[in-house]
Amino acid sequence: MINVELKISYKDWIYITVIGASFGFLISLFFYFLSTELKQVQTIYFSVFTAVSISLFAFFLINLSNNYILPHVDKKFWYIISFIFSFCSGSFGFSFSFLMFSLFDGINVIELINPYWEYLSITIGFLTFLIGLILHQFISMKYRNESIKSDVLESKIKALENELNPHFLFNALNSVSELIYVDQKKAEKAVLDISSFLRNAIYKSSLITLENEINMLKTYVNIENIRFSDKIKLNIDIKPKHYYIMVPKFSIQLLVENAIKHGFIQKDLEVNVVFNDEKNCIEISNNGKISTNLKFGTGLNNLANRLTYQNVGELKYEVLNDRMLFIIILKDKN
């Protein structure tokens, strides 16, 4: 029965109000040119004002119904309540417009409908209810389509997440097995780090805060440093004010993993993660091996697609003189 609710976004309400005002304007033109008595500019003003009034009353009453009444009422009464509120939108909107214009003298349209305005108010109330039913079908169809698109998109994102290569985990486990005989305390800490990383890996949300992503990145580098003998140096320059920004899970981690996989050349690998306020982007650079002819493989394509599907931003890269630079360009909403 949730489909009885007439859920309309604020953007939709703007469209409805504009369409209603336009319809009122066209109707007023019809009477303006058809009748000598109604050949007044006030006729146009009254029609447009009435259409806008009905839209505003509908906005207030339907939102009141959806947010404060329907959730607390037995579902079997939802149809009756929806009918009452739709009817009142038209009836109250017309009555309000009529009463407002009645304050002014010499308006022929008001004098003409004055003996019948109560009946017109009831009639328009029923018409508004019928229009509401039609509108409900269009809005419901729109949200069903959006829901289907959202489900398909979520499936694509999950499929991309499942493609993430866990080879580092196997390497880490092999390193831990060797570390057990060398330093049991380090081996114990490494197992806890791997456990923490896996716990985040199975976290359901595809988008996480930048703070959580950085925490996972630190855990990941700790794990990798088991087999690289602490030669991976991670430098992070991200201010707390940016921690709330939402990014795809394992986005920065994947770029750091890529830097280790392709950039490590038997010396300390310095990886820098910086938030560039001026360009509103996250920059990940390293001083390792430079690829002059970089091609996006599965991992980088995976990240680029997730950034697009989740409407977060886009992935770029630059080959500098002394380092590789990957850039996650964020959309302005962040």
Protein backbone atom coordinates (compact mmCIF):
# COMPACT_ATOMS: atom_id res chain seq x y z
CA MET A 1 0.00 0.00 0.00
CA ILE A 2 3.02 2.31 0.12
CA ASN A 3 2.21 3.18 -3.49
CA VAL A 4 -0.80 5.16 -2.26
CA GLU A 5 1.58 7.86 -1.07
CA LEU A 6 1.99 10.61 -3.63
CA LYS A 7 5.73 11.08 -3.29
CA ILE A 8 6.79 14.11 -5.30
CA SER A 9 10.20 15.78 -5.22
CA TYR A 10 10.60 19.55 -4.86
CA LYS A 11 11.76 19.71 -8.46
CA ASP A 12 8.56 17.93 -9.54
CA TRP A 13 6.49 20.45 -7.56
CA ILE A 14 8.11 23.31 -9.46
CA TYR A 15 7.20 21.63 -12.75
CA ILE A 16 3.64 21.02 -11.54
CA THR A 17 3.22 24.65 -10.48
CA VAL A 18 4.59 25.98 -13.77
CA ILE A 19 2.39 23.61 -15.80
CA GLY A 20 -0.65 24.54 -13.69
CA ALA A 21 -0.01 28.26 -14.13
CA SER A 22 0.46 27.78 -17.88
CA PHE A 23 -2.77 25.80 -18.12
CA GLY A 24 -4.63 28.48 -16.15
CA PHE A 25 -3.21 31.12 -18.47
CA LEU A 26 -4.40 29.26 -21.59
CA ILE A 27 -7.88 28.72 -20.14
CA SER A 28 -8.12 32.42 -19.25
CA LEU A 29 -7.17 33.39 -22.82
CA PHE A 30 -9.99 31.19 -24.11
CA PHE A 31 -12.58 33.01 -21.98
CA TYR A 32 -10.88 36.37 -22.53
CA PHE A 33 -11.41 36.23 -26.30
CA LEU A 34 -14.71 34.32 -26.18
CA SER A 35 -16.68 36.52 -23.79
CA THR A 36 -17.09 40.28 -23.81
CA GLU A 37 -17.83 40.30 -20.08
CA LEU A 38 -14.57 38.53 -19.30
CA LYS A 39 -12.43 40.66 -21.60
CA GLN A 40 -10.35 41.97 -18.69
CA VAL A 41 -6.73 41.39 -17.82
CA GLN A 42 -7.95 40.52 -14.31
CA THR A 43 -9.47 37.36 -15.81
CA ILE A 44 -5.98 36.17 -16.74
CA TYR A 45 -4.60 37.15 -13.34
CA PHE A 46 -7.40 35.25 -11.56
CA SER A 47 -6.93 32.06 -13.58
CA VAL A 48 -3.16 31.97 -13.14
CA PHE A 49 -3.39 32.83 -9.45
CA THR A 50 -6.01 30.09 -8.95
CA ALA A 51 -3.81 27.47 -10.63
CA VAL A 52 -0.80 28.47 -8.51
CA SER A 53 -2.93 28.49 -5.33
CA ILE A 54 -4.18 24.96 -6.03
CA SER A 55 -0.59 23.78 -6.60
CA LEU A 56 0.60 25.36 -3.35
CA PHE A 57 -2.27 23.89 -1.34
CA ALA A 58 -1.57 20.49 -2.93
CA PHE A 59 2.12 20.81 -2.01
CA PHE A 60 1.31 21.61 1.61
CA LEU A 61 -1.50 19.07 2.11
CA ILE A 62 0.10 16.13 0.29
CA ASN A 63 3.41 16.59 2.12
CA LEU A 64 1.51 16.90 5.39
CA SER A 65 -0.32 13.68 4.59
CA ASN A 66 2.77 11.72 3.54
CA ASN A 67 5.05 12.85 6.35
CA TYR A 68 2.79 13.17 9.38
CA ILE A 69 -0.51 11.36 8.83
CA LEU A 70 -0.19 8.27 6.63
CA PRO A 71 2.72 6.78 8.62
CA HIS A 72 0.56 6.81 11.78
CA VAL A 73 -2.74 5.63 10.29
CA ASP A 74 -3.94 2.12 9.45
CA LYS A 75 -3.25 1.42 5.75
CA LYS A 76 -6.90 0.64 5.03
CA PHE A 77 -7.68 4.35 5.52
CA TRP A 78 -4.95 5.63 3.21
CA TYR A 79 -7.18 5.82 0.13
CA ILE A 80 -9.80 7.84 2.01
CA ILE A 81 -7.20 10.25 3.42
CA SER A 82 -5.55 10.66 0.03
CA PHE A 83 -8.95 11.42 -1.51
CA ILE A 84 -9.76 14.01 1.17
CA PHE A 85 -6.44 15.80 0.84
CA SER A 86 -6.51 15.81 -2.96
CA PHE A 87 -10.08 17.14 -2.92
CA CYS A 88 -9.19 19.84 -0.38
CA SER A 89 -6.22 20.97 -2.48
CA GLY A 90 -8.49 22.01 -5.34
CA SER A 91 -11.38 23.25 -3.23
CA PHE A 92 -9.25 25.32 -0.84
CA GLY A 93 -7.00 26.62 -3.63
CA PHE A 94 -9.96 27.89 -5.67
CA SER A 95 -11.73 29.32 -2.61
CA PHE A 96 -8.61 31.14 -1.47
CA SER A 97 -8.13 32.68 -4.92
CA PHE A 98 -11.80 33.69 -5.13
CA LEU A 99 -11.76 35.31 -1.68
CA MET A 100 -8.56 37.20 -2.42
CA PHE A 101 -9.91 38.66 -5.67
CA SER A 102 -13.25 39.44 -4.00
CA LEU A 103 -11.47 42.13 -2.04
CA PHE A 104 -11.21 44.19 -5.22
CA ASP A 105 -14.11 45.87 -7.01
CA GLY A 106 -14.87 45.82 -10.70
CA ILE A 107 -13.58 42.33 -11.55
CA ASN A 108 -16.16 40.84 -13.90
CA VAL A 109 -15.06 37.22 -13.48
CA ILE A 110 -15.62 37.44 -9.71
CA GLU A 111 -19.07 39.01 -10.15
CA LEU A 112 -19.96 36.33 -12.69
CA ILE A 113 -19.04 33.31 -10.54
CA ASN A 114 -20.04 34.85 -7.20
CA PRO A 115 -23.49 33.11 -7.00
CA TYR A 116 -21.95 29.72 -7.81
CA TRP A 117 -18.48 29.83 -6.25
CA GLU A 118 -19.29 27.19 -3.58
CA TYR A 119 -20.40 24.71 -6.27
CA LEU A 120 -17.37 25.56 -8.39
CA SER A 121 -15.15 24.99 -5.37
CA ILE A 122 -16.59 21.49 -4.87
CA THR A 123 -16.39 20.70 -8.60
CA ILE A 124 -12.76 21.80 -8.82
CA GLY A 125 -12.06 19.71 -5.72
CA PHE A 126 -13.28 16.58 -7.54
CA LEU A 127 -11.33 17.53 -10.65
CA THR A 128 -8.19 17.96 -8.55
CA PHE A 129 -8.72 14.50 -7.10
CA LEU A 130 -8.97 13.00 -10.60
CA ILE A 131 -5.86 14.88 -11.70
CA GLY A 132 -4.16 13.64 -8.53
CA LEU A 133 -4.91 10.03 -9.47
CA ILE A 134 -3.39 10.54 -12.92
CA LEU A 135 -0.42 12.36 -11.41
CA HIS A 136 0.06 9.55 -8.91
CA GLN A 137 0.36 7.01 -11.73
CA PHE A 138 3.01 9.09 -13.52
CA ILE A 139 4.99 9.71 -10.33
CA SER A 140 4.78 6.03 -9.31
CA MET A 141 5.96 4.97 -12.76
CA LYS A 142 8.85 7.43 -12.54
CA TYR A 143 10.01 6.11 -9.17
CA ARG A 144 9.63 2.50 -10.28
CA ASN A 145 11.88 3.21 -13.26
CA GLU A 146 14.38 5.01 -11.04
CA SER A 147 14.32 2.09 -8.60
CA ILE A 148 15.01 -0.38 -11.40
CA LYS A 149 17.89 1.77 -12.69
CA SER A 150 19.26 2.04 -9.16
CA ASP A 151 19.13 -1.74 -8.69
CA VAL A 152 20.89 -2.34 -12.01
CA LEU A 153 23.55 0.24 -11.15
CA GLU A 154 24.07 -1.28 -7.72
CA SER A 155 24.51 -4.70 -9.33
CA LYS A 156 27.16 -3.28 -11.67
CA ILE A 157 29.00 -1.67 -8.76
CA LYS A 158 28.92 -4.89 -6.72
CA ALA A 159 30.18 -6.84 -9.73
CA LEU A 160 33.07 -4.39 -10.07
CA GLU A 161 33.88 -4.69 -6.37
CA ASN A 162 33.95 -8.47 -6.69
CA GLU A 163 36.58 -8.13 -9.42
CA LEU A 164 39.07 -6.56 -7.02
CA ASN A 165 42.20 -8.73 -7.01
CA PRO A 166 42.97 -10.12 -3.53
CA HIS A 167 46.48 -11.29 -4.48
CA PHE A 168 47.99 -9.01 -1.83
CA LEU A 169 46.12 -11.05 0.80
CA PHE A 170 47.77 -14.30 -0.29
CA ASN A 171 51.16 -12.57 -0.27
CA ALA A 172 50.46 -11.17 3.18
CA LEU A 173 49.46 -14.58 4.56
CA ASN A 174 52.64 -16.09 3.17
CA SER A 175 54.65 -13.31 4.81
CA VAL A 176 52.86 -13.85 8.13
CA SER A 177 53.63 -17.57 8.00
CA GLU A 178 57.34 -16.72 7.68
CA LEU A 179 57.12 -13.99 10.31
CA ILE A 180 55.75 -16.42 12.89
CA TYR A 181 59.18 -18.02 13.24
CA VAL A 182 61.01 -14.67 13.31
CA ASP A 183 58.88 -12.31 15.40
CA GLN A 184 55.69 -13.65 16.92
CA LYS A 185 54.50 -10.25 18.17
CA LYS A 186 54.77 -8.76 14.68
CA ALA A 187 53.03 -11.81 13.27
CA GLU A 188 50.18 -11.38 15.76
CA LYS A 189 49.81 -7.68 14.85
CA ALA A 190 49.88 -8.57 11.14
CA VAL A 191 47.07 -11.08 11.60
CA LEU A 192 45.00 -8.44 13.41
CA ASP A 193 45.67 -5.95 10.58
CA ILE A 194 44.57 -8.51 7.99
CA SER A 195 41.45 -9.23 10.05
CA SER A 196 40.65 -5.50 10.22
CA PHE A 197 41.19 -5.09 6.51
CA LEU A 198 38.93 -8.04 5.65
CA ARG A 199 36.24 -6.72 7.98
CA ASN A 200 36.19 -3.48 5.98
CA ALA A 201 36.36 -5.40 2.69
CA ILE A 202 33.04 -7.11 3.37
CA TYR A 203 31.39 -3.88 4.55
CA LYS A 204 28.18 -3.55 2.52
CA SER A 205 28.36 0.13 1.63
CA SER A 206 30.05 0.88 -1.70
CA LEU A 207 30.73 4.49 -0.70
CA ILE A 208 32.64 5.27 2.48
CA THR A 209 34.07 8.42 4.05
CA LEU A 210 37.55 9.55 3.12
CA GLU A 211 38.52 9.07 6.76
CA ASN A 212 37.56 5.37 6.65
CA GLU A 213 39.32 4.91 3.32
CA ILE A 214 42.52 6.42 4.75
CA ASN A 215 42.32 4.18 7.82
CA MET A 216 41.97 1.12 5.58
CA LEU A 217 44.85 2.36 3.44
CA LYS A 218 47.13 2.57 6.48
CA THR A 219 46.16 -0.96 7.45
CA TYR A 220 46.85 -2.15 3.91
CA VAL A 221 50.33 -0.56 3.81
CA ASN A 222 51.12 -2.12 7.21
CA ILE A 223 50.23 -5.50 5.75
CA GLU A 224 52.32 -4.94 2.61
CA ASN A 225 55.31 -3.78 4.64
CA ILE A 226 55.56 -7.26 6.11
CA ARG A 227 57.02 -8.56 2.87
CA PHE A 228 58.61 -5.27 1.78
CA SER A 229 60.50 -4.86 5.07
CA ASP A 230 58.99 -1.43 5.79
CA LYS A 231 60.26 0.02 2.53
CA ILE A 232 56.82 1.44 1.67
CA LYS A 233 56.68 4.98 3.06
CA LEU A 234 53.16 6.40 3.14
CA ASN A 235 52.74 10.17 3.47
CA ILE A 236 49.21 11.51 3.90
CA ASP A 237 48.30 15.19 3.70
CA ILE A 238 44.53 15.33 4.14
CA LYS A 239 42.91 17.77 6.56
CA PRO A 240 40.12 16.67 8.93
CA LYS A 241 37.68 18.99 7.14
CA HIS A 242 37.81 16.61 4.16
CA TYR A 243 37.18 13.43 6.15
CA TYR A 244 33.43 13.52 5.45
CA ILE A 245 33.87 13.27 1.66
CA MET A 246 32.45 10.04 0.23
CA VAL A 247 34.63 7.94 -2.06
CA PRO A 248 34.33 4.40 -3.49
CA LYS A 249 35.59 1.73 -1.15
CA PHE A 250 39.24 0.78 -1.87
CA SER A 251 39.65 3.64 -4.37
CA ILE A 252 42.83 5.16 -2.91
CA GLN A 253 43.98 1.75 -1.71
CA LEU A 254 43.80 0.42 -5.25
CA LEU A 255 45.98 3.26 -6.54
CA VAL A 256 48.54 2.71 -3.79
CA GLU A 257 48.49 -1.01 -4.52
CA ASN A 258 49.09 -0.20 -8.19
CA ALA A 259 52.03 2.03 -7.20
CA ILE A 260 53.58 -0.79 -5.14
CA LYS A 261 52.98 -3.41 -7.80
CA HIS A 262 54.41 -1.43 -10.72
CA GLY A 263 56.62 1.16 -9.02
CA PHE A 264 58.68 -0.75 -6.46
CA ILE A 265 62.34 -1.09 -7.57
CA GLN A 266 64.20 -2.54 -4.57
CA LYS A 267 64.47 0.74 -2.67
CA ASP A 268 62.22 2.79 -0.41
CA LEU A 269 59.00 3.61 -2.26
CA GLU A 270 57.51 6.91 -1.20
CA VAL A 271 53.76 7.18 -1.77
CA ASN A 272 52.05 10.54 -1.21
CA VAL A 273 48.31 11.00 -0.78
CA VAL A 274 47.30 14.66 -0.90
CA PHE A 275 43.98 16.48 -1.06
CA ASN A 276 44.26 19.42 -3.47
CA ASP A 277 41.77 22.06 -2.28
CA GLU A 278 42.27 24.29 -5.29
CA LYS A 279 41.40 21.56 -7.81
CA ASN A 280 39.04 19.60 -5.49
CA CYS A 281 40.83 16.34 -6.12
CA ILE A 282 42.83 13.59 -4.41
CA GLU A 283 46.34 13.14 -5.76
CA ILE A 284 48.27 9.90 -5.31
CA SER A 285 51.90 9.99 -6.43
CA ASN A 286 54.98 7.79 -6.00
CA ASN A 287 58.68 8.03 -6.73
CA GLY A 288 59.03 4.52 -8.09
CA LYS A 289 59.35 3.19 -11.61
CA ILE A 290 57.76 5.49 -14.19
CA SER A 291 55.56 3.98 -16.90
CA THR A 292 55.81 6.10 -20.04
CA ASN A 293 53.05 4.20 -21.83
CA LEU A 294 50.48 3.54 -19.13
CA LYS A 295 47.39 1.52 -20.03
CA PHE A 296 44.44 1.00 -17.74
CA GLY A 297 44.19 -2.64 -16.74
CA THR A 298 41.39 -4.36 -14.85
CA GLY A 299 42.02 -2.56 -11.56
CA LEU A 300 42.23 0.98 -12.95
CA ASN A 301 39.29 0.42 -15.31
CA ASN A 302 37.38 -0.96 -12.33
CA LEU A 303 38.02 2.20 -10.31
CA ALA A 304 37.25 4.53 -13.24
CA ASN A 305 33.90 2.78 -13.77
CA ARG A 306 32.98 2.88 -10.10
CA LEU A 307 33.72 6.60 -9.91
CA THR A 308 31.42 7.14 -12.90
CA TYR A 309 28.59 4.83 -11.78
CA GLN A 310 28.57 6.26 -8.27
CA ASN A 311 28.65 9.82 -9.60
CA VAL A 312 31.70 10.68 -7.51
CA GLY A 313 34.13 11.94 -10.14
CA GLU A 314 36.68 10.67 -12.63
CA LEU A 315 40.16 9.15 -12.71
CA LYS A 316 43.09 10.83 -14.47
CA TYR A 317 46.84 10.30 -14.47
CA GLU A 318 49.95 12.28 -15.34
CA VAL A 319 53.53 11.16 -15.98
CA LEU A 320 55.84 13.70 -14.34
CA ASN A 321 59.61 13.90 -14.59
CA ASP A 322 60.29 12.12 -11.33
CA ARG A 323 57.03 10.39 -10.41
CA MET A 324 53.69 8.94 -11.43
CA LEU A 325 50.61 10.90 -10.44
CA PHE A 326 47.05 9.57 -10.29
CA ILE A 327 44.22 12.01 -9.69
CA ILE A 328 40.68 11.36 -8.44
CA ILE A 329 38.82 14.48 -9.60
CA LEU A 330 35.80 14.92 -7.35
CA LYS A 331 32.50 16.45 -8.37
CA ASP A 332 31.59 19.82 -6.86
CA LYS A 333 28.97 18.28 -4.55
CA ASN A 334 31.77 17.01 -2.33
